[in-house]
Amino acid sequence: MADHTSSGEAYWKANLRIIIISLIIWALCSFGFGILLRPALSGISVGGTDLGFWFAQQGSILVFLVLIFFYAFRMNKLDQEHGVDEE
């Protein structure tokens, strides 16, 4: 019973770590680059507009989509490592 509990705690701790890292990356890209650092990024041009505007309009959405696929991939790997995968 103690081994099962410690394995569950390790799984949950790894899951929370992935979630927190993903949220930090998304917040940095959406709020940080799109709003707070927009004036600093105004000199860099991407697709005819400045990089800060691009992050605010498209970049944060693309980063969010990449993070969804990363999370799914990493959680499948974590499930296999802890023996709770679906297959």
C-alpha atoms as a PDB file:
ATOM      1  CA  MET A   1       0.000   0.000   0.000  1.00  0.00           C
ATOM      2  CA  ALA A   2       2.816   2.426   0.844  1.00  0.00           C
ATOM      3  CA  ASP A   3       4.512   1.725  -2.496  1.00  0.00           C
ATOM      4  CA  HIS A   4       1.281   2.479  -4.374  1.00  0.00           C
ATOM      5  CA  THR A   5       0.857   5.760  -2.467  1.00  0.00           C
ATOM      6  CA  SER A   6       4.431   6.914  -3.117  1.00  0.00           C
ATOM      7  CA  SER A   7       4.078   6.019  -6.807  1.00  0.00           C
ATOM      8  CA  GLY A   8       0.857   8.037  -6.995  1.00  0.00           C
ATOM      9  CA  GLU A   9       2.507  10.989  -5.291  1.00  0.00           C
ATOM     10  CA  ALA A  10       5.457  10.841  -7.703  1.00  0.00           C
ATOM     11  CA  TYR A  11       3.081  10.696 -10.659  1.00  0.00           C
ATOM     12  CA  TRP A  12       1.060  13.664  -9.384  1.00  0.00           C
ATOM     13  CA  LYS A  13       4.215  15.663  -8.624  1.00  0.00           C
ATOM     14  CA  ALA A  14       5.533  15.066 -12.162  1.00  0.00           C
ATOM     15  CA  ASN A  15       2.124  15.980 -13.611  1.00  0.00           C
ATOM     16  CA  LEU A  16       2.015  19.250 -11.656  1.00  0.00           C
ATOM     17  CA  ARG A  17       5.557  20.065 -12.748  1.00  0.00           C
ATOM     18  CA  ILE A  18       4.589  19.689 -16.418  1.00  0.00           C
ATOM     19  CA  ILE A  19       1.468  21.821 -15.907  1.00  0.00           C
ATOM     20  CA  ILE A  20       3.338  24.596 -14.080  1.00  0.00           C
ATOM     21  CA  ILE A  21       6.118  24.753 -16.677  1.00  0.00           C
ATOM     22  CA  SER A  22       3.548  24.854 -19.496  1.00  0.00           C
ATOM     23  CA  LEU A  23       1.590  27.645 -17.792  1.00  0.00           C
ATOM     24  CA  ILE A  24       4.749  29.681 -17.227  1.00  0.00           C
ATOM     25  CA  ILE A  25       5.723  29.352 -20.900  1.00  0.00           C
ATOM     26  CA  TRP A  26       2.215  30.304 -22.037  1.00  0.00           C
ATOM     27  CA  ALA A  27       2.031  33.291 -19.653  1.00  0.00           C
ATOM     28  CA  LEU A  28       5.454  34.497 -20.764  1.00  0.00           C
ATOM     29  CA  CYS A  29       4.492  34.288 -24.437  1.00  0.00           C
ATOM     30  CA  SER A  30       0.982  35.700 -24.174  1.00  0.00           C
ATOM     31  CA  PHE A  31       1.178  38.252 -21.362  1.00  0.00           C
ATOM     32  CA  GLY A  32       4.926  38.879 -21.308  1.00  0.00           C
ATOM     33  CA  PHE A  33       5.767  39.165 -25.011  1.00  0.00           C
ATOM     34  CA  GLY A  34       2.339  40.376 -26.141  1.00  0.00           C
ATOM     35  CA  ILE A  35       1.762  43.059 -23.498  1.00  0.00           C
ATOM     36  CA  LEU A  36       4.648  43.788 -21.127  1.00  0.00           C
ATOM     37  CA  LEU A  37       7.560  43.459 -23.558  1.00  0.00           C
ATOM     38  CA  ARG A  38       5.726  44.760 -26.627  1.00  0.00           C
ATOM     39  CA  PRO A  39       7.569  48.122 -26.711  1.00  0.00           C
ATOM     40  CA  ALA A  40      10.918  46.333 -26.485  1.00  0.00           C
ATOM     41  CA  LEU A  41       9.963  43.990 -29.330  1.00  0.00           C
ATOM     42  CA  SER A  42       8.631  46.735 -31.625  1.00  0.00           C
ATOM     43  CA  GLY A  43      11.891  46.969 -33.591  1.00  0.00           C
ATOM     44  CA  ILE A  44      11.783  43.326 -34.710  1.00  0.00           C
ATOM     45  CA  SER A  45       9.626  42.778 -37.786  1.00  0.00           C
ATOM     46  CA  VAL A  46       7.670  39.553 -38.440  1.00  0.00           C
ATOM     47  CA  GLY A  47       5.366  39.330 -41.447  1.00  0.00           C
ATOM     48  CA  GLY A  48       5.138  43.097 -41.882  1.00  0.00           C
ATOM     49  CA  THR A  49       4.353  43.874 -38.238  1.00  0.00           C
ATOM     50  CA  ASP A  50       6.348  44.113 -35.043  1.00  0.00           C
ATOM     51  CA  LEU A  51       7.064  41.002 -32.969  1.00  0.00           C
ATOM     52  CA  GLY A  52       5.119  42.179 -29.900  1.00  0.00           C
ATOM     53  CA  PHE A  53       1.946  42.648 -31.941  1.00  0.00           C
ATOM     54  CA  TRP A  54       2.486  39.266 -33.612  1.00  0.00           C
ATOM     55  CA  PHE A  55       2.731  37.542 -30.208  1.00  0.00           C
ATOM     56  CA  ALA A  56      -0.396  39.327 -29.005  1.00  0.00           C
ATOM     57  CA  GLN A  57      -2.418  38.338 -32.085  1.00  0.00           C
ATOM     58  CA  GLN A  58      -1.052  34.992 -33.267  1.00  0.00           C
ATOM     59  CA  GLY A  59       2.047  33.924 -31.393  1.00  0.00           C
ATOM     60  CA  SER A  60       0.384  33.183 -28.075  1.00  0.00           C
ATOM     61  CA  ILE A  61      -2.267  31.053 -29.798  1.00  0.00           C
ATOM     62  CA  LEU A  62       0.377  29.069 -31.693  1.00  0.00           C
ATOM     63  CA  VAL A  63       2.411  28.592 -28.511  1.00  0.00           C
ATOM     64  CA  PHE A  64      -0.756  27.401 -26.753  1.00  0.00           C
ATOM     65  CA  LEU A  65      -1.383  24.813 -29.492  1.00  0.00           C
ATOM     66  CA  VAL A  66       2.216  23.587 -29.312  1.00  0.00           C
ATOM     67  CA  LEU A  67       1.890  23.302 -25.531  1.00  0.00           C
ATOM     68  CA  ILE A  68      -1.276  21.199 -25.893  1.00  0.00           C
ATOM     69  CA  PHE A  69       0.550  18.685 -28.091  1.00  0.00           C
ATOM     70  CA  PHE A  70       3.614  18.768 -25.807  1.00  0.00           C
ATOM     71  CA  TYR A  71       1.429  18.110 -22.766  1.00  0.00           C
ATOM     72  CA  ALA A  72      -0.348  15.190 -24.440  1.00  0.00           C
ATOM     73  CA  PHE A  73       2.967  13.684 -25.586  1.00  0.00           C
ATOM     74  CA  ARG A  74       4.644  14.144 -22.209  1.00  0.00           C
ATOM     75  CA  MET A  75       1.665  12.804 -20.250  1.00  0.00           C
ATOM     76  CA  ASN A  76       1.524   9.681 -22.431  1.00  0.00           C
ATOM     77  CA  LYS A  77       5.200   9.135 -21.676  1.00  0.00           C
ATOM     78  CA  LEU A  78       4.621   9.774 -17.961  1.00  0.00           C
ATOM     79  CA  ASP A  79       1.665   7.349 -17.948  1.00  0.00           C
ATOM     80  CA  GLN A  80       3.879   4.653 -19.449  1.00  0.00           C
ATOM     81  CA  GLU A  81       6.636   5.315 -16.908  1.00  0.00           C
ATOM     82  CA  HIS A  82       4.189   4.885 -14.014  1.00  0.00           C
ATOM     83  CA  GLY A  83       2.249   2.003 -15.534  1.00  0.00           C
ATOM     84  CA  VAL A  84      -1.087   3.792 -15.897  1.00  0.00           C
ATOM     85  CA  ASP A  85      -1.189   4.055 -19.685  1.00  0.00           C
ATOM     86  CA  GLU A  86      -4.314   3.132 -21.599  1.00  0.00           C
ATOM     87  CA  GLU A  87      -2.787   0.474 -23.857  1.00  0.00           C
END
